Amino acid sequence: MKRWMVLGRRRRNAVRANGFTLMELLIVMAIITVLMLIAIPSYLNYVRLANETSAIKSVQTISQAQTQYSMQYPASGYSCSLQSLGGDPHSGPPSATSAEILPPDLSSGVKSGYQFTITNCIKDTANGGDRVTGFTVLAQPLTVGRTGNRTFCSDESGLIKFDPAGGTNCTQSLSQ
């Protein structure tokens, strides 16, 4: 072979060995894209499931806090707000308006993609004072379908029910 042909081949091979072709990079990017299309929906499902599990445990915690509150403050009965179940331990001793039973993240009303409220307070007026004898704890997803699919409810009985559509009509019992 002629000497200039051999030198030309060496130069082409040297350039080829130092980098990737555009086609190779496109193939790698296509593979990464396919993997992302598979992985992201699964990840979001796991996040929703984790948020729902956290909401169920938080509803149980609020119901237990309500029971403890009614024992500590029998004249008040149950609490009608999460803020009165919570409170800052550095602000002084516990009281009926700041019982310091719930942790701050839960007494704020928003946790793990869910909003928590106490509704349907049943008041009994006797001896010149109101005593709350019933309540409903409601845990609704902040964005139905994204942060959670179901709404969870509980009352003074402690039984947790849910609404599969994410509304406020909790009729189906949660079997655990």
Protein backbone atom coordinates (compact mmCIF):
# COMPACT_ATOMS: atom_id res chain seq x y z
CA MET A 1 0.00 0.00 0.00
CA LYS A 2 1.04 3.47 -0.53
CA ARG A 3 2.37 5.33 2.42
CA TRP A 4 -0.13 8.26 2.22
CA MET A 5 -3.08 5.79 2.36
CA VAL A 6 -1.78 4.21 5.56
CA LEU A 7 -1.32 7.62 7.19
CA GLY A 8 -4.84 8.64 6.16
CA ARG A 9 -6.34 5.55 7.81
CA ARG A 10 -4.44 6.14 11.00
CA ARG A 11 -5.72 9.69 11.20
CA ARG A 12 -9.34 8.61 10.68
CA ASN A 13 -9.02 5.84 13.27
CA ALA A 14 -7.42 8.20 15.76
CA VAL A 15 -10.30 10.65 15.45
CA ARG A 16 -12.89 7.87 15.75
CA ALA A 17 -11.34 6.41 18.89
CA ASN A 18 -11.48 9.70 20.82
CA GLY A 19 -15.25 10.25 20.95
CA PHE A 20 -18.80 9.05 20.36
CA THR A 21 -20.73 9.44 17.17
CA LEU A 22 -23.97 11.36 17.08
CA MET A 23 -25.85 8.13 16.44
CA GLU A 24 -24.40 6.49 19.56
CA LEU A 25 -25.40 9.48 21.69
CA LEU A 26 -28.95 9.44 20.25
CA ILE A 27 -29.32 5.74 21.02
CA VAL A 28 -28.21 6.26 24.63
CA MET A 29 -30.61 9.20 25.02
CA ALA A 30 -33.47 7.12 23.59
CA ILE A 31 -32.78 4.32 26.08
CA ILE A 32 -32.70 6.80 28.99
CA THR A 33 -35.99 8.33 27.82
CA VAL A 34 -37.70 4.93 27.67
CA LEU A 35 -36.47 4.09 31.17
CA MET A 36 -37.76 7.43 32.47
CA LEU A 37 -41.17 6.86 30.89
CA ILE A 38 -41.38 3.58 32.77
CA ALA A 39 -39.93 4.76 36.08
CA ILE A 40 -41.62 8.14 36.67
CA PRO A 41 -45.26 6.90 36.81
CA SER A 42 -44.21 4.09 39.18
CA TYR A 43 -42.43 6.59 41.39
CA LEU A 44 -45.49 8.86 41.52
CA ASN A 45 -47.68 5.89 42.47
CA TYR A 46 -45.32 5.10 45.34
CA VAL A 47 -45.42 8.72 46.51
CA ARG A 48 -49.26 8.70 46.49
CA LEU A 49 -49.30 5.42 48.39
CA ALA A 50 -46.85 6.79 50.97
CA ASN A 51 -48.95 9.96 51.37
CA GLU A 52 -52.12 7.90 51.88
CA THR A 53 -50.41 5.69 54.46
CA SER A 54 -49.18 8.78 56.29
CA ALA A 55 -52.70 10.26 56.19
CA ILE A 56 -54.22 7.10 57.71
CA LYS A 57 -51.66 7.12 60.54
CA SER A 58 -52.20 10.85 61.09
CA VAL A 59 -55.99 10.38 61.33
CA GLN A 60 -55.37 7.67 63.94
CA THR A 61 -53.04 10.00 65.83
CA ILE A 62 -55.61 12.82 65.81
CA SER A 63 -58.34 10.46 67.04
CA GLN A 64 -56.10 9.28 69.88
CA ALA A 65 -55.24 12.89 70.71
CA GLN A 66 -58.97 13.69 70.86
CA THR A 67 -59.48 10.88 73.38
CA GLN A 68 -56.59 12.13 75.48
CA TYR A 69 -57.87 15.72 75.23
CA SER A 70 -61.35 14.70 76.44
CA MET A 71 -59.79 12.96 79.45
CA GLN A 72 -57.56 15.94 80.33
CA TYR A 73 -60.32 18.53 79.85
CA PRO A 74 -63.63 16.75 80.60
CA ALA A 75 -65.53 20.04 80.83
CA SER A 76 -64.64 20.81 77.20
CA GLY A 77 -65.12 17.29 75.83
CA TYR A 78 -63.40 16.95 72.47
CA SER A 79 -61.56 19.69 70.62
CA CYS A 80 -62.97 21.39 67.51
CA SER A 81 -59.59 22.51 66.16
CA LEU A 82 -56.21 21.00 65.50
CA GLN A 83 -54.54 24.11 66.92
CA SER A 84 -56.00 23.48 70.37
CA LEU A 85 -54.72 19.88 70.25
CA GLY A 86 -51.25 21.20 69.34
CA GLY A 87 -49.40 24.12 70.80
CA ASP A 88 -45.88 25.23 71.54
CA PRO A 89 -44.34 23.50 74.56
CA HIS A 90 -42.19 26.60 75.18
CA SER A 91 -45.21 28.89 75.52
CA GLY A 92 -46.22 27.65 78.95
CA PRO A 93 -48.16 24.80 80.52
CA PRO A 94 -50.80 22.92 78.48
CA SER A 95 -54.32 24.32 78.48
CA ALA A 96 -57.64 23.67 76.76
CA THR A 97 -56.65 26.06 73.95
CA SER A 98 -53.08 24.69 73.64
CA ALA A 99 -53.02 21.11 74.90
CA GLU A 100 -49.61 20.23 73.38
CA ILE A 101 -50.80 16.72 72.47
CA LEU A 102 -50.25 16.78 68.69
CA PRO A 103 -46.88 17.44 67.03
CA PRO A 104 -46.55 20.83 65.29
CA ASP A 105 -46.46 19.39 61.75
CA LEU A 106 -49.84 17.74 62.25
CA SER A 107 -51.48 20.52 64.25
CA SER A 108 -50.65 22.94 61.38
CA GLY A 109 -53.25 21.09 59.28
CA VAL A 110 -51.05 20.11 56.31
CA LYS A 111 -48.79 17.07 56.19
CA SER A 112 -47.53 14.77 53.40
CA GLY A 113 -49.79 16.12 50.68
CA TYR A 114 -52.96 16.05 52.82
CA GLN A 115 -54.99 18.70 54.59
CA PHE A 116 -56.40 17.78 58.00
CA THR A 117 -59.43 19.38 59.63
CA ILE A 118 -61.81 18.66 62.48
CA THR A 119 -65.43 19.15 61.38
CA ASN A 120 -68.98 18.30 62.45
CA CYS A 121 -68.47 19.17 66.11
CA ILE A 122 -71.53 18.18 68.09
CA LYS A 123 -71.96 20.46 71.08
CA ASP A 124 -74.02 19.75 74.15
CA THR A 125 -74.97 22.87 76.10
CA ALA A 126 -75.47 22.15 79.77
CA ASN A 127 -74.82 24.07 82.98
CA GLY A 128 -73.99 27.25 81.06
CA GLY A 129 -71.14 25.72 79.03
CA ASP A 130 -70.60 23.95 75.76
CA ARG A 131 -69.21 20.43 75.80
CA VAL A 132 -68.21 18.83 72.49
CA THR A 133 -69.52 15.26 72.37
CA GLY A 134 -68.74 14.36 68.76
CA PHE A 135 -66.38 15.25 65.91
CA THR A 136 -65.13 14.14 62.51
CA VAL A 137 -61.48 14.16 61.48
CA LEU A 138 -61.11 14.74 57.75
CA ALA A 139 -57.92 14.14 55.72
CA GLN A 140 -58.25 15.32 52.12
CA PRO A 141 -55.52 15.22 49.46
CA LEU A 142 -54.28 18.66 48.47
CA THR A 143 -54.48 17.61 44.80
CA VAL A 144 -56.66 14.56 44.09
CA GLY A 145 -54.80 12.14 41.85
CA ARG A 146 -51.43 13.69 42.54
CA THR A 147 -50.81 13.86 46.30
CA GLY A 148 -53.40 11.17 47.06
CA ASN A 149 -56.48 9.51 45.63
CA ARG A 150 -58.68 8.98 48.68
CA THR A 151 -60.06 11.09 51.53
CA PHE A 152 -59.97 9.55 55.01
CA CYS A 153 -62.37 10.25 57.87
CA SER A 154 -62.76 9.19 61.48
CA ASP A 155 -65.04 10.13 64.34
CA GLU A 156 -65.19 9.61 68.09
CA SER A 157 -65.58 5.83 67.51
CA GLY A 158 -62.07 5.66 66.01
CA LEU A 159 -63.25 3.78 62.91
CA ILE A 160 -61.53 5.03 59.75
CA LYS A 161 -63.55 5.32 56.56
CA PHE A 162 -62.63 6.66 53.14
CA ASP A 163 -64.03 8.26 50.02
CA PRO A 164 -62.40 6.68 46.94
CA ALA A 165 -63.15 9.78 44.82
CA GLY A 166 -61.28 12.14 47.16
CA GLY A 167 -64.43 14.00 48.24
CA THR A 168 -65.86 14.37 51.74
CA ASN A 169 -68.37 11.50 51.63
CA CYS A 170 -66.49 8.82 53.57
CA THR A 171 -68.70 5.75 53.38
CA GLN A 172 -66.35 2.83 52.78
CA SER A 173 -64.71 1.21 55.76
CA LEU A 174 -60.94 0.89 55.72
CA SER A 175 -59.96 -2.70 56.49
CA GLN A 176 -56.47 -2.96 57.92
